[in-house]
């Protein structure tokens, strides 16, 4: 379902959009989807880094224990 909305843009930005694509709605929809995908990806990255930092000490200890068992006598 599509919803009609009205936005106000600076004239120079609107002109650039129209030079790129004569269908402003389609252009703005694509731009919004690309921007939102980047925001969501950045959010996932921040969450992943938080998890890595939270578990880093335990993971490092486990890695060290694994390496110690691999050392030849």
C-alpha atoms as a PDB file:
ATOM      1  CA  UNK A   1       0.000   0.000   0.000  1.00  0.00           C
ATOM      2  CA  UNK A   2       1.296   3.441  -0.834  1.00  0.00           C
ATOM      3  CA  UNK A   3       0.680   6.552   1.227  1.00  0.00           C
ATOM      4  CA  UNK A   4       0.750  10.009  -0.263  1.00  0.00           C
ATOM      5  CA  UNK A   5       2.896  12.505   1.592  1.00  0.00           C
ATOM      6  CA  UNK A   6       4.181  15.993   1.072  1.00  0.00           C
ATOM      7  CA  UNK A   7       7.716  17.147   1.750  1.00  0.00           C
ATOM      8  CA  UNK A   8       9.566  20.405   1.310  1.00  0.00           C
ATOM      9  CA  UNK A   9      12.991  20.319  -0.324  1.00  0.00           C
ATOM     10  CA  UNK A  10      15.495  23.016  -1.174  1.00  0.00           C
ATOM     11  CA  UNK A  11      15.125  24.017  -4.837  1.00  0.00           C
ATOM     12  CA  UNK A  12      18.659  22.946  -5.726  1.00  0.00           C
ATOM     13  CA  UNK A  13      18.085  19.468  -4.291  1.00  0.00           C
ATOM     14  CA  UNK A  14      14.809  19.058  -6.149  1.00  0.00           C
ATOM     15  CA  UNK A  15      16.511  20.132  -9.379  1.00  0.00           C
ATOM     16  CA  UNK A  16      19.271  17.560  -8.873  1.00  0.00           C
ATOM     17  CA  UNK A  17      16.688  14.849  -8.237  1.00  0.00           C
ATOM     18  CA  UNK A  18      14.760  15.759 -11.378  1.00  0.00           C
ATOM     19  CA  UNK A  19      17.961  15.698 -13.463  1.00  0.00           C
ATOM     20  CA  UNK A  20      18.628  12.206 -12.167  1.00  0.00           C
ATOM     21  CA  UNK A  21      15.120  10.760 -12.446  1.00  0.00           C
ATOM     22  CA  UNK A  22      11.941  12.300 -13.815  1.00  0.00           C
ATOM     23  CA  UNK A  23       9.935  10.227 -11.324  1.00  0.00           C
ATOM     24  CA  UNK A  24      10.642  12.020  -8.043  1.00  0.00           C
ATOM     25  CA  UNK A  25       8.575   9.591  -5.976  1.00  0.00           C
ATOM     26  CA  UNK A  26      10.489   6.579  -7.268  1.00  0.00           C
ATOM     27  CA  UNK A  27      13.816   8.343  -6.745  1.00  0.00           C
ATOM     28  CA  UNK A  28      12.977   9.333  -3.171  1.00  0.00           C
ATOM     29  CA  UNK A  29      11.671   5.857  -2.389  1.00  0.00           C
ATOM     30  CA  UNK A  30      14.908   4.274  -3.624  1.00  0.00           C
ATOM     31  CA  UNK A  31      17.005   6.828  -1.741  1.00  0.00           C
ATOM     32  CA  UNK A  32      15.067   6.218   1.476  1.00  0.00           C
ATOM     33  CA  UNK A  33      15.432   2.445   1.144  1.00  0.00           C
ATOM     34  CA  UNK A  34      19.190   2.701   0.557  1.00  0.00           C
ATOM     35  CA  UNK A  35      19.617   5.096   3.488  1.00  0.00           C
ATOM     36  CA  UNK A  36      17.527   2.933   5.835  1.00  0.00           C
ATOM     37  CA  UNK A  37      19.464  -0.192   4.824  1.00  0.00           C
ATOM     38  CA  UNK A  38      22.719   1.594   5.707  1.00  0.00           C
ATOM     39  CA  UNK A  39      21.325   2.762   9.062  1.00  0.00           C
ATOM     40  CA  UNK A  40      20.111  -0.759   9.866  1.00  0.00           C
ATOM     41  CA  UNK A  41      23.458  -2.251   8.834  1.00  0.00           C
ATOM     42  CA  UNK A  42      25.302   0.224  11.054  1.00  0.00           C
ATOM     43  CA  UNK A  43      22.984  -0.655  13.954  1.00  0.00           C
ATOM     44  CA  UNK A  44      23.691  -4.369  13.456  1.00  0.00           C
ATOM     45  CA  UNK A  45      27.410  -3.615  13.372  1.00  0.00           C
ATOM     46  CA  UNK A  46      27.211  -1.669  16.638  1.00  0.00           C
ATOM     47  CA  UNK A  47      25.269  -4.501  18.293  1.00  0.00           C
ATOM     48  CA  UNK A  48      27.804  -7.061  17.037  1.00  0.00           C
ATOM     49  CA  UNK A  49      30.715  -5.001  18.364  1.00  0.00           C
ATOM     50  CA  UNK A  50      28.975  -4.644  21.733  1.00  0.00           C
ATOM     51  CA  UNK A  51      28.563  -8.429  21.903  1.00  0.00           C
ATOM     52  CA  UNK A  52      32.208  -8.981  20.954  1.00  0.00           C
ATOM     53  CA  UNK A  53      33.384  -6.493  23.584  1.00  0.00           C
ATOM     54  CA  UNK A  54      31.089  -8.009  26.207  1.00  0.00           C
ATOM     55  CA  UNK A  55      32.459 -11.512  25.544  1.00  0.00           C
ATOM     56  CA  UNK A  56      36.059 -10.604  24.657  1.00  0.00           C
ATOM     57  CA  UNK A  57      37.661 -11.573  27.971  1.00  0.00           C
ATOM     58  CA  UNK A  58      36.018 -15.022  27.988  1.00  0.00           C
ATOM     59  CA  UNK A  59      36.779 -15.596  24.289  1.00  0.00           C
ATOM     60  CA  UNK A  60      40.420 -14.593  24.732  1.00  0.00           C
ATOM     61  CA  UNK A  61      40.753 -16.919  27.722  1.00  0.00           C
ATOM     62  CA  UNK A  62      39.220 -19.798  25.725  1.00  0.00           C
ATOM     63  CA  UNK A  63      41.549 -19.104  22.797  1.00  0.00           C
ATOM     64  CA  UNK A  64      44.583 -19.074  25.082  1.00  0.00           C
ATOM     65  CA  UNK A  65      43.530 -22.378  26.676  1.00  0.00           C
ATOM     66  CA  UNK A  66      43.102 -23.911  23.214  1.00  0.00           C
ATOM     67  CA  UNK A  67      46.534 -22.695  22.123  1.00  0.00           C
ATOM     68  CA  UNK A  68      48.130 -23.998  25.322  1.00  0.00           C
ATOM     69  CA  UNK A  69      46.744 -27.478  24.591  1.00  0.00           C
ATOM     70  CA  UNK A  70      48.239 -27.359  21.092  1.00  0.00           C
ATOM     71  CA  UNK A  71      51.798 -26.764  22.308  1.00  0.00           C
ATOM     72  CA  UNK A  72      53.937 -29.824  21.816  1.00  0.00           C
ATOM     73  CA  UNK A  73      55.601 -31.208  24.978  1.00  0.00           C
END
